[in-house]
N, C-alpha and C. Protein backbone atom coordinates (compact mmCIF):
# COMPACT_ATOMS: atom_id res chain seq x y z
N MET A 1 0.88 -1.19 0.02
CA MET A 1 -0.06 -0.15 0.00
C MET A 1 0.95 1.29 -0.02
N ILE A 2 0.59 2.17 -0.88
CA ILE A 2 1.33 3.51 -0.92
C ILE A 2 0.78 4.42 0.16
N GLU A 3 1.66 5.12 0.83
CA GLU A 3 1.32 6.07 1.71
C GLU A 3 0.79 7.32 1.03
N GLU A 4 -0.15 8.00 1.64
CA GLU A 4 -0.60 9.16 0.88
C GLU A 4 0.36 10.25 0.62
N PHE A 5 1.27 10.58 1.61
CA PHE A 5 2.25 11.68 1.37
C PHE A 5 3.62 11.22 1.44
N SER A 6 4.50 11.86 0.72
CA SER A 6 6.00 11.47 0.77
C SER A 6 6.53 12.14 2.02
N THR A 7 7.62 11.54 2.48
CA THR A 7 8.35 12.03 3.61
C THR A 7 9.42 12.83 3.19
N LEU A 8 9.97 13.71 4.08
CA LEU A 8 10.96 14.63 3.77
C LEU A 8 12.26 13.88 3.18
N GLU A 9 12.42 12.68 3.79
CA GLU A 9 13.67 11.78 3.27
C GLU A 9 13.37 11.39 1.87
N GLN A 10 12.17 11.00 1.56
CA GLN A 10 11.98 10.61 0.14
C GLN A 10 12.03 11.75 -0.78
N LEU A 11 11.46 12.89 -0.34
CA LEU A 11 11.71 14.04 -1.20
C LEU A 11 13.04 14.46 -1.40
N ASP A 12 13.84 14.56 -0.36
CA ASP A 12 15.27 14.96 -0.51
C ASP A 12 15.93 13.87 -1.49
N ALA A 13 15.61 12.70 -1.42
CA ALA A 13 16.25 11.66 -2.42
C ALA A 13 15.96 11.91 -3.82
N GLY A 14 14.92 12.63 -4.07
CA GLY A 14 14.55 12.89 -5.51
C GLY A 14 15.10 14.18 -5.95
N LEU A 15 15.90 14.95 -5.26
CA LEU A 15 16.43 16.27 -5.58
C LEU A 15 17.31 16.05 -6.86
N ASP A 16 18.16 14.98 -7.02
CA ASP A 16 19.08 14.97 -8.01
C ASP A 16 18.40 14.90 -9.33
N SER A 17 17.23 14.25 -9.45
CA SER A 17 16.56 14.15 -10.59
C SER A 17 15.99 15.50 -10.91
N ILE A 18 15.45 16.33 -9.97
CA ILE A 18 15.06 17.61 -10.29
C ILE A 18 16.17 18.52 -10.89
N ARG A 19 17.28 18.31 -10.26
CA ARG A 19 18.49 19.17 -10.67
C ARG A 19 18.86 18.84 -12.05
N GLN A 20 18.59 17.77 -12.61
CA GLN A 20 18.95 17.36 -13.96
C GLN A 20 17.94 17.89 -14.99
N SER A 21 17.04 18.53 -14.57
CA SER A 21 16.03 19.14 -15.53
C SER A 21 16.64 20.03 -16.75
N PRO A 22 16.16 19.87 -17.92
CA PRO A 22 16.86 20.71 -18.98
C PRO A 22 16.83 22.28 -18.62
N GLN A 23 17.98 22.89 -19.13
CA GLN A 23 18.16 24.35 -18.68
C GLN A 23 17.65 25.18 -19.79
N ASN A 24 17.82 24.94 -21.08
CA ASN A 24 17.61 25.86 -22.19
C ASN A 24 16.22 25.58 -22.79
N SER A 25 15.81 24.33 -22.97
CA SER A 25 14.55 23.99 -23.62
C SER A 25 14.01 22.76 -22.86
N GLY A 26 12.69 22.68 -22.69
CA GLY A 26 12.05 21.56 -21.97
C GLY A 26 10.78 21.49 -22.72
N ARG A 27 9.85 20.66 -22.03
CA ARG A 27 8.65 20.34 -22.67
C ARG A 27 7.51 20.66 -21.60
N VAL A 28 6.29 20.88 -22.22
CA VAL A 28 5.07 20.96 -21.37
C VAL A 28 4.49 19.57 -21.24
N GLU A 29 4.30 19.23 -19.96
CA GLU A 29 3.90 17.76 -19.62
C GLU A 29 2.40 17.85 -19.24
N LEU A 30 1.84 19.01 -18.78
CA LEU A 30 0.47 18.93 -18.41
C LEU A 30 -0.07 20.40 -18.44
N ILE A 31 -1.24 20.59 -18.83
CA ILE A 31 -1.94 21.91 -18.85
C ILE A 31 -3.07 21.74 -18.00
N VAL A 32 -3.33 22.73 -17.05
CA VAL A 32 -4.51 22.65 -16.14
C VAL A 32 -5.21 24.07 -16.11
N ARG A 33 -6.50 24.05 -16.22
CA ARG A 33 -7.31 25.37 -16.10
C ARG A 33 -8.01 25.20 -14.84
N ARG A 34 -8.26 26.32 -14.09
CA ARG A 34 -8.96 26.44 -12.90
C ARG A 34 -10.30 27.33 -13.20
N PRO A 35 -11.24 26.79 -13.58
CA PRO A 35 -12.54 27.64 -14.02
C PRO A 35 -13.19 28.24 -12.86
N ASN A 36 -13.06 27.47 -11.70
CA ASN A 36 -13.65 28.03 -10.48
C ASN A 36 -12.87 27.67 -9.25
N ALA A 37 -13.01 28.20 -8.04
CA ALA A 37 -12.21 27.79 -6.97
C ALA A 37 -12.34 26.32 -6.71
N GLY A 38 -11.16 25.62 -6.53
CA GLY A 38 -11.31 24.15 -6.22
C GLY A 38 -11.45 23.35 -7.44
N GLU A 39 -11.75 23.78 -8.60
CA GLU A 39 -12.05 22.97 -9.79
C GLU A 39 -10.87 23.00 -10.53
N ARG A 40 -10.52 21.85 -11.36
CA ARG A 40 -9.52 21.75 -12.17
C ARG A 40 -9.79 20.99 -13.36
N GLU A 41 -9.39 21.48 -14.71
CA GLU A 41 -9.65 20.88 -15.96
C GLU A 41 -8.45 20.58 -16.69
N VAL A 42 -8.07 19.28 -16.89
CA VAL A 42 -6.84 19.04 -17.67
C VAL A 42 -7.02 19.30 -19.19
N LEU A 43 -6.25 19.90 -19.73
CA LEU A 43 -6.29 20.34 -21.23
C LEU A 43 -5.26 19.78 -21.99
N ASP A 44 -5.55 19.51 -23.31
CA ASP A 44 -4.54 19.12 -24.30
C ASP A 44 -3.93 20.31 -25.02
N THR A 45 -4.80 21.43 -24.92
CA THR A 45 -4.36 22.77 -25.69
C THR A 45 -4.98 23.83 -24.92
N ALA A 46 -4.28 24.96 -24.82
CA ALA A 46 -4.80 26.11 -24.07
C ALA A 46 -4.35 27.34 -24.87
N GLU A 47 -5.13 28.44 -24.67
CA GLU A 47 -4.90 29.72 -25.28
C GLU A 47 -4.26 30.66 -24.17
N LEU A 48 -3.21 31.28 -24.37
CA LEU A 48 -2.63 32.27 -23.42
C LEU A 48 -2.99 33.64 -23.99
N ASP A 49 -3.47 34.50 -23.21
CA ASP A 49 -3.93 35.74 -23.52
C ASP A 49 -3.37 36.84 -22.53
N LEU A 50 -2.89 38.04 -23.12
CA LEU A 50 -2.34 39.07 -22.39
C LEU A 50 -3.37 39.59 -21.30
N ALA A 51 -4.52 39.61 -21.57
CA ALA A 51 -5.49 40.19 -20.59
C ALA A 51 -5.99 39.17 -19.47
N VAL A 52 -6.23 37.98 -19.84
CA VAL A 52 -6.81 37.01 -18.87
C VAL A 52 -5.86 35.84 -18.50
N GLY A 53 -4.59 35.91 -19.05
CA GLY A 53 -3.72 34.78 -18.84
C GLY A 53 -4.17 33.53 -19.62
N LEU A 54 -4.34 32.35 -18.87
CA LEU A 54 -4.80 31.19 -19.58
C LEU A 54 -6.28 31.25 -19.66
N THR A 55 -6.86 31.30 -20.96
CA THR A 55 -8.21 31.63 -21.18
C THR A 55 -9.10 30.48 -20.53
N GLY A 56 -10.17 31.00 -19.91
CA GLY A 56 -11.02 30.03 -19.06
C GLY A 56 -10.57 29.82 -17.63
N ASP A 57 -9.44 30.22 -17.28
CA ASP A 57 -8.89 30.15 -15.87
C ASP A 57 -9.42 31.37 -15.04
N ASN A 58 -9.50 30.98 -13.73
CA ASN A 58 -10.20 32.18 -12.93
C ASN A 58 -9.26 33.10 -12.17
N TRP A 59 -8.01 33.16 -12.81
CA TRP A 59 -7.08 34.14 -12.25
C TRP A 59 -7.58 35.56 -12.17
N LEU A 60 -8.27 36.06 -13.29
CA LEU A 60 -8.76 37.43 -13.20
C LEU A 60 -9.88 37.62 -12.29
N GLU A 61 -10.75 36.73 -12.28
CA GLU A 61 -11.97 36.99 -11.29
C GLU A 61 -11.62 36.60 -9.93
N ARG A 62 -10.68 35.66 -9.60
CA ARG A 62 -10.29 35.37 -8.22
C ARG A 62 -9.53 36.48 -7.52
N GLY A 63 -8.93 37.40 -8.20
CA GLY A 63 -8.08 38.36 -7.58
C GLY A 63 -7.00 37.90 -6.72
N SER A 64 -6.50 38.86 -5.96
CA SER A 64 -5.33 38.60 -5.07
C SER A 64 -5.39 39.39 -3.85
N ARG A 65 -5.04 38.83 -2.71
CA ARG A 65 -4.97 39.49 -1.42
C ARG A 65 -3.75 40.41 -1.33
N LYS A 66 -2.77 40.03 -2.33
CA LYS A 66 -1.57 41.01 -2.36
C LYS A 66 -1.71 42.39 -2.96
N MET A 67 -2.93 42.44 -3.63
CA MET A 67 -3.28 43.68 -4.31
C MET A 67 -4.26 44.49 -3.26
N SER A 68 -3.90 45.81 -3.08
CA SER A 68 -4.76 46.63 -2.09
C SER A 68 -6.17 46.66 -2.58
N ASP A 69 -6.55 46.55 -3.70
CA ASP A 69 -7.95 46.81 -4.21
C ASP A 69 -8.57 45.38 -4.35
N GLY A 70 -7.81 44.12 -4.18
CA GLY A 70 -8.23 42.86 -4.28
C GLY A 70 -8.31 42.57 -5.75
N SER A 71 -7.69 43.19 -6.67
CA SER A 71 -7.78 42.78 -8.14
C SER A 71 -6.65 41.71 -8.36
N ALA A 72 -6.65 41.13 -9.48
CA ALA A 72 -5.76 40.13 -9.96
C ALA A 72 -4.40 40.65 -10.00
N HIS A 73 -3.43 40.06 -9.42
CA HIS A 73 -2.04 40.51 -9.39
C HIS A 73 -1.29 40.20 -10.81
N PRO A 74 -0.81 41.21 -11.37
CA PRO A 74 -0.39 41.07 -12.82
C PRO A 74 0.76 40.24 -12.97
N ASP A 75 1.62 40.10 -11.76
CA ASP A 75 2.77 39.34 -11.88
C ASP A 75 2.53 37.86 -11.44
N MET A 76 1.18 37.59 -11.14
CA MET A 76 0.83 36.11 -10.88
C MET A 76 -0.28 35.60 -11.78
N GLN A 77 -0.06 36.08 -13.06
CA GLN A 77 -1.14 35.73 -14.08
C GLN A 77 -1.11 34.29 -14.44
N LEU A 78 0.11 33.76 -14.41
CA LEU A 78 0.30 32.36 -14.94
C LEU A 78 1.33 31.65 -13.91
N THR A 79 1.16 30.42 -13.59
CA THR A 79 2.09 29.65 -12.86
C THR A 79 2.63 28.33 -13.47
N LEU A 80 3.88 28.16 -13.36
CA LEU A 80 4.53 27.04 -13.90
C LEU A 80 5.22 26.19 -12.74
N MET A 81 5.07 24.92 -12.90
CA MET A 81 5.83 24.03 -11.89
C MET A 81 6.63 23.05 -12.71
N ASN A 82 7.79 22.58 -12.11
CA ASN A 82 8.73 21.54 -12.60
C ASN A 82 7.98 20.39 -12.49
N SER A 83 7.75 19.70 -13.74
CA SER A 83 7.07 18.27 -13.51
C SER A 83 7.81 17.21 -12.87
N ARG A 84 9.03 17.21 -12.72
CA ARG A 84 9.84 16.32 -11.87
C ARG A 84 9.60 16.51 -10.47
N ALA A 85 9.40 17.85 -10.00
CA ALA A 85 8.99 18.32 -8.67
C ALA A 85 7.75 17.75 -8.32
N ILE A 86 6.68 18.03 -9.13
CA ILE A 86 5.29 17.72 -8.83
C ILE A 86 5.25 16.10 -8.83
N ALA A 87 5.91 15.51 -9.77
CA ALA A 87 5.80 13.98 -9.82
C ALA A 87 6.38 13.45 -8.44
N LEU A 88 7.33 14.02 -7.81
CA LEU A 88 7.94 13.59 -6.54
C LEU A 88 6.97 13.90 -5.45
N VAL A 89 6.40 15.04 -5.50
CA VAL A 89 5.50 15.49 -4.43
C VAL A 89 4.15 14.76 -4.44
N ALA A 90 3.53 14.77 -5.63
CA ALA A 90 2.18 14.17 -5.74
C ALA A 90 2.08 12.69 -5.87
N ARG A 91 3.27 12.10 -6.30
CA ARG A 91 3.45 10.69 -6.46
C ARG A 91 2.70 9.98 -7.56
N THR A 92 1.65 10.53 -7.98
CA THR A 92 0.84 10.05 -9.16
C THR A 92 0.43 11.09 -10.03
N LYS A 93 0.33 10.84 -11.33
CA LYS A 93 0.16 12.00 -12.21
C LYS A 93 -1.23 12.65 -12.09
N ASP A 94 -2.14 11.73 -11.72
CA ASP A 94 -3.69 12.12 -11.60
C ASP A 94 -3.73 13.29 -10.40
N ARG A 95 -2.72 13.19 -9.51
CA ARG A 95 -2.79 14.26 -8.45
C ARG A 95 -2.09 15.61 -8.65
N TRP A 96 -1.39 15.79 -9.90
CA TRP A 96 -0.67 16.89 -10.33
C TRP A 96 -1.48 18.13 -10.30
N PRO A 97 -2.55 18.07 -10.89
CA PRO A 97 -3.50 19.32 -10.93
C PRO A 97 -3.89 19.83 -9.52
N LEU A 98 -3.78 19.04 -8.43
CA LEU A 98 -4.10 19.58 -7.19
C LEU A 98 -3.22 20.59 -6.75
N ALA A 99 -2.02 20.79 -7.30
CA ALA A 99 -1.17 21.81 -6.93
C ALA A 99 -1.73 23.24 -7.27
N GLY A 100 -2.59 23.20 -8.38
CA GLY A 100 -3.13 24.33 -8.77
C GLY A 100 -2.38 25.30 -9.74
N ASP A 101 -1.37 24.79 -10.28
CA ASP A 101 -0.53 25.42 -11.42
C ASP A 101 -1.24 25.19 -12.63
N GLN A 102 -0.89 26.03 -13.72
CA GLN A 102 -1.51 25.88 -14.93
C GLN A 102 -0.60 25.03 -15.91
N LEU A 103 0.67 25.22 -15.76
CA LEU A 103 1.67 24.68 -16.69
C LEU A 103 2.65 23.94 -15.97
N TYR A 104 2.73 22.44 -16.25
CA TYR A 104 3.75 21.76 -15.62
C TYR A 104 4.69 21.24 -16.77
N VAL A 105 6.01 21.76 -16.53
CA VAL A 105 6.96 21.59 -17.57
C VAL A 105 8.15 20.92 -17.06
N ASP A 106 8.90 20.18 -17.96
CA ASP A 106 10.14 19.58 -17.61
C ASP A 106 11.27 20.44 -18.00
N MET A 107 11.55 21.36 -17.12
CA MET A 107 12.61 22.40 -17.24
C MET A 107 12.93 22.92 -15.99
N ASP A 108 14.38 23.31 -15.93
CA ASP A 108 14.88 23.87 -14.73
C ASP A 108 14.43 25.34 -14.54
N LEU A 109 13.45 25.36 -13.47
CA LEU A 109 12.80 26.68 -13.09
C LEU A 109 13.53 27.46 -12.08
N SER A 110 14.69 27.05 -11.70
CA SER A 110 15.54 27.70 -10.51
C SER A 110 15.79 29.29 -10.78
N VAL A 111 15.91 29.90 -9.81
CA VAL A 111 16.21 31.39 -9.81
C VAL A 111 17.56 31.63 -10.64
N GLU A 112 18.53 30.70 -10.56
CA GLU A 112 19.78 30.86 -11.27
C GLU A 112 19.52 30.80 -12.76
N ASN A 113 18.76 29.72 -13.08
CA ASN A 113 18.51 29.52 -14.68
C ASN A 113 17.49 30.46 -15.16
N LEU A 114 16.38 30.86 -14.40
CA LEU A 114 15.38 31.69 -14.91
C LEU A 114 15.23 32.88 -13.93
N PRO A 115 16.15 33.95 -13.98
CA PRO A 115 15.89 34.91 -12.98
C PRO A 115 14.60 35.76 -13.39
N ALA A 116 14.12 36.56 -12.57
CA ALA A 116 12.98 37.43 -13.03
C ALA A 116 13.24 38.16 -14.17
N GLU A 117 12.37 38.44 -15.10
CA GLU A 117 12.41 39.08 -16.35
C GLU A 117 12.73 38.07 -17.44
N SER A 118 13.17 36.87 -17.10
CA SER A 118 13.61 35.90 -18.15
C SER A 118 12.24 35.58 -19.05
N LYS A 119 12.51 35.50 -20.30
CA LYS A 119 11.36 35.08 -21.26
C LYS A 119 11.45 33.72 -21.78
N LEU A 120 10.23 33.11 -21.87
CA LEU A 120 10.15 31.69 -22.32
C LEU A 120 9.08 31.68 -23.49
N ARG A 121 9.46 31.01 -24.55
CA ARG A 121 8.51 30.69 -25.70
C ARG A 121 7.98 29.36 -25.41
N ILE A 122 6.70 29.27 -25.27
CA ILE A 122 5.94 28.07 -25.18
C ILE A 122 4.83 27.99 -26.23
N GLY A 123 5.00 26.97 -27.11
CA GLY A 123 3.92 27.00 -28.25
C GLY A 123 4.26 28.32 -29.07
N THR A 124 3.28 28.99 -29.35
CA THR A 124 3.37 30.18 -30.11
C THR A 124 3.26 31.50 -29.11
N ALA A 125 3.11 31.19 -27.87
CA ALA A 125 3.08 32.17 -26.84
C ALA A 125 4.53 32.67 -26.20
N VAL A 126 4.56 33.80 -25.72
CA VAL A 126 5.84 34.19 -24.98
C VAL A 126 5.37 34.62 -23.64
N ILE A 127 6.05 34.20 -22.54
CA ILE A 127 5.68 34.49 -21.16
C ILE A 127 6.94 35.10 -20.53
N GLN A 128 6.74 35.85 -19.45
CA GLN A 128 7.98 36.43 -18.73
C GLN A 128 7.96 35.98 -17.26
N VAL A 129 9.04 35.43 -16.86
CA VAL A 129 9.11 35.16 -15.37
C VAL A 129 9.03 36.39 -14.58
N THR A 130 8.38 36.52 -13.39
CA THR A 130 8.21 37.69 -12.59
C THR A 130 8.90 37.35 -11.30
N ALA A 131 9.25 38.49 -10.49
CA ALA A 131 9.85 38.30 -9.22
C ALA A 131 8.97 37.81 -8.04
N GLN A 132 7.63 37.83 -8.36
CA GLN A 132 6.69 37.44 -7.36
C GLN A 132 7.02 36.00 -6.90
N PRO A 133 7.25 35.77 -5.58
CA PRO A 133 7.54 34.32 -5.27
C PRO A 133 6.28 33.53 -5.20
N HIS A 134 6.43 32.16 -5.46
CA HIS A 134 5.42 31.24 -5.49
C HIS A 134 5.64 30.18 -4.44
N THR A 135 5.12 30.14 -3.39
CA THR A 135 5.44 29.21 -2.31
C THR A 135 4.21 28.27 -1.78
N GLY A 136 4.65 27.18 -1.20
CA GLY A 136 3.60 26.31 -0.69
C GLY A 136 2.78 26.98 0.48
N CYS A 137 1.44 26.84 0.27
CA CYS A 137 0.66 27.43 1.22
C CYS A 137 -0.22 26.36 2.01
N ARG A 138 -1.22 26.60 2.76
CA ARG A 138 -1.99 25.61 3.49
C ARG A 138 -2.79 24.67 2.61
N PHE A 139 -3.22 25.13 1.43
CA PHE A 139 -3.76 24.23 0.43
C PHE A 139 -2.84 23.31 0.00
N PHE A 140 -1.53 23.59 -0.27
CA PHE A 140 -0.47 22.86 -0.74
C PHE A 140 -0.31 21.72 0.29
N ALA A 141 -0.20 22.19 1.56
CA ALA A 141 0.05 21.33 2.73
C ALA A 141 -1.05 20.34 2.86
N ALA A 142 -2.25 20.72 2.71
CA ALA A 142 -3.42 19.82 2.94
C ALA A 142 -3.46 18.73 1.82
N ARG A 143 -3.06 19.14 0.53
CA ARG A 143 -3.06 18.19 -0.50
C ARG A 143 -1.84 17.19 -0.59
N PHE A 144 -0.57 17.75 -0.11
CA PHE A 144 0.61 17.04 -0.31
C PHE A 144 1.41 16.69 0.99
N GLY A 145 0.95 17.32 2.07
CA GLY A 145 1.56 17.03 3.35
C GLY A 145 2.47 18.07 3.89
N ALA A 146 2.74 18.22 5.19
CA ALA A 146 3.63 19.15 5.79
C ALA A 146 5.01 18.98 5.38
N ASP A 147 5.51 17.74 5.10
CA ASP A 147 6.89 17.52 4.76
C ASP A 147 7.02 18.18 3.16
N ALA A 148 6.07 18.06 2.43
CA ALA A 148 6.10 18.50 1.06
C ALA A 148 6.20 20.00 1.13
N THR A 149 5.48 20.71 1.88
CA THR A 149 5.43 22.07 2.05
C THR A 149 6.88 22.60 2.65
N ARG A 150 7.41 21.88 3.77
CA ARG A 150 8.76 22.13 4.15
C ARG A 150 9.73 21.99 2.99
N PHE A 151 9.62 21.01 2.23
CA PHE A 151 10.47 20.70 1.10
C PHE A 151 10.57 21.69 0.13
N VAL A 152 9.44 22.30 -0.37
CA VAL A 152 9.34 23.31 -1.37
C VAL A 152 9.65 24.80 -0.88
N ASN A 153 9.42 25.00 0.44
CA ASN A 153 9.58 26.23 1.02
C ASN A 153 11.06 26.34 1.76
N SER A 154 11.94 25.26 1.63
CA SER A 154 13.19 25.32 2.27
C SER A 154 14.00 26.30 1.50
N ARG A 155 15.16 26.61 1.96
CA ARG A 155 16.05 27.58 1.25
C ARG A 155 16.56 27.02 -0.08
N GLU A 156 16.85 25.74 -0.29
CA GLU A 156 17.09 24.97 -1.56
C GLU A 156 15.86 24.94 -2.40
N GLY A 157 14.80 24.58 -1.72
CA GLY A 157 13.49 24.58 -2.47
C GLY A 157 13.12 25.86 -3.15
N LYS A 158 13.33 26.94 -2.44
CA LYS A 158 13.12 28.26 -2.94
C LYS A 158 14.04 28.68 -4.20
N SER A 159 15.19 28.29 -3.97
CA SER A 159 16.44 28.55 -4.96
C SER A 159 15.93 27.84 -6.22
N LEU A 160 15.63 26.52 -6.07
CA LEU A 160 15.20 25.73 -7.21
C LEU A 160 13.87 25.95 -7.83
N ARG A 161 13.13 26.57 -6.98
CA ARG A 161 11.55 27.00 -7.31
C ARG A 161 10.85 25.63 -7.43
N LEU A 162 11.00 24.98 -6.38
CA LEU A 162 10.27 23.60 -6.38
C LEU A 162 8.85 23.75 -6.38
N ARG A 163 8.28 24.87 -5.82
CA ARG A 163 6.95 25.02 -5.83
C ARG A 163 6.45 25.78 -7.14
N GLY A 164 7.34 26.21 -8.04
CA GLY A 164 7.05 26.73 -9.19
C GLY A 164 7.33 28.28 -9.21
N LEU A 165 6.99 28.86 -10.22
CA LEU A 165 7.16 30.37 -10.62
C LEU A 165 6.00 30.96 -10.95
N ASN A 166 5.94 32.37 -10.78
CA ASN A 166 4.94 33.07 -11.38
C ASN A 166 5.47 33.80 -12.74
N ALA A 167 4.52 34.03 -13.67
CA ALA A 167 4.77 34.68 -14.94
C ALA A 167 3.68 35.45 -15.45
N ARG A 168 3.89 36.31 -16.34
CA ARG A 168 2.82 36.89 -17.04
C ARG A 168 2.92 36.79 -18.60
N VAL A 169 1.91 36.90 -19.28
CA VAL A 169 1.92 36.67 -20.63
C VAL A 169 2.39 37.89 -21.45
N LEU A 170 3.39 37.81 -22.27
CA LEU A 170 3.89 38.96 -23.03
C LEU A 170 3.29 38.80 -24.54
N GLN A 171 3.08 37.79 -25.05
CA GLN A 171 2.56 37.35 -26.43
C GLN A 171 1.62 36.23 -26.35
N GLY A 172 0.26 36.58 -26.56
CA GLY A 172 -0.67 35.47 -26.61
C GLY A 172 -0.32 34.45 -27.72
N GLY A 173 -0.90 33.25 -27.45
CA GLY A 173 -0.70 32.14 -28.38
C GLY A 173 -1.28 30.86 -27.92
N THR A 174 -1.03 29.83 -28.58
CA THR A 174 -1.52 28.50 -28.33
C THR A 174 -0.41 27.72 -27.70
N VAL A 175 -0.80 26.87 -26.66
CA VAL A 175 0.22 26.03 -25.94
C VAL A 175 -0.47 24.68 -25.91
N ARG A 176 0.35 23.70 -26.26
CA ARG A 176 -0.15 22.28 -26.31
C ARG A 176 0.70 21.36 -25.43
N VAL A 177 0.14 20.30 -24.84
CA VAL A 177 1.01 19.31 -24.20
C VAL A 177 2.03 18.80 -25.34
N GLY A 178 3.34 18.75 -24.77
CA GLY A 178 4.39 18.34 -25.74
C GLY A 178 5.08 19.41 -26.30
N ASP A 179 4.61 20.63 -26.29
CA ASP A 179 5.21 21.77 -26.79
C ASP A 179 6.63 22.01 -26.28
N LEU A 180 7.53 22.59 -26.97
CA LEU A 180 8.74 22.93 -26.45
C LEU A 180 8.70 24.25 -25.52
N VAL A 181 9.38 24.32 -24.48
CA VAL A 181 9.57 25.57 -23.62
C VAL A 181 10.98 26.05 -23.75
N ILE A 182 11.14 27.27 -24.41
CA ILE A 182 12.46 27.56 -24.86
C ILE A 182 12.80 28.91 -24.22
N LYS A 183 14.06 29.01 -23.63
CA LYS A 183 14.51 30.33 -23.25
C LYS A 183 14.81 31.30 -24.34
N VAL A 184 14.30 32.57 -24.30
CA VAL A 184 14.58 33.45 -25.40
C VAL A 184 15.30 34.65 -24.85
């Protein structure tokens, strides 16, 4: 029987695989849209739009506590997570969408590899990495356990961006599972 959550020791043992993620180009492994709070739709294809982020996602309507007026934070329009990190944390692919990110990519998302303002071409779209941190929260802990949250929020976890990164759309376009993710 498989335990529900990975232990910190199991997570630490998987770091080498995550560190071997491609640096200059990777692939889109999963696309997830969040139409309403707590809902997830796995997509084969998505449209990225300058005004709404991932079309059909609730980013714009949901808003952000980080904005004084509660509006959507422009630097948190889109989230990406390393597919090797989510595979380690979630244990099975059917649980990946629970993390709440929109794009799961096999690529090195570390601060060193993709500092803020870095640009990525994904399909026909271009996005820009923002400085807004993306960290594990109480929802992440409830879905993946306290050890997973400690793992992604550790000093090394933040440096590698194991919880993922925030981005904004610079050029709208179509993104498909299997598309290349290329540093530009």
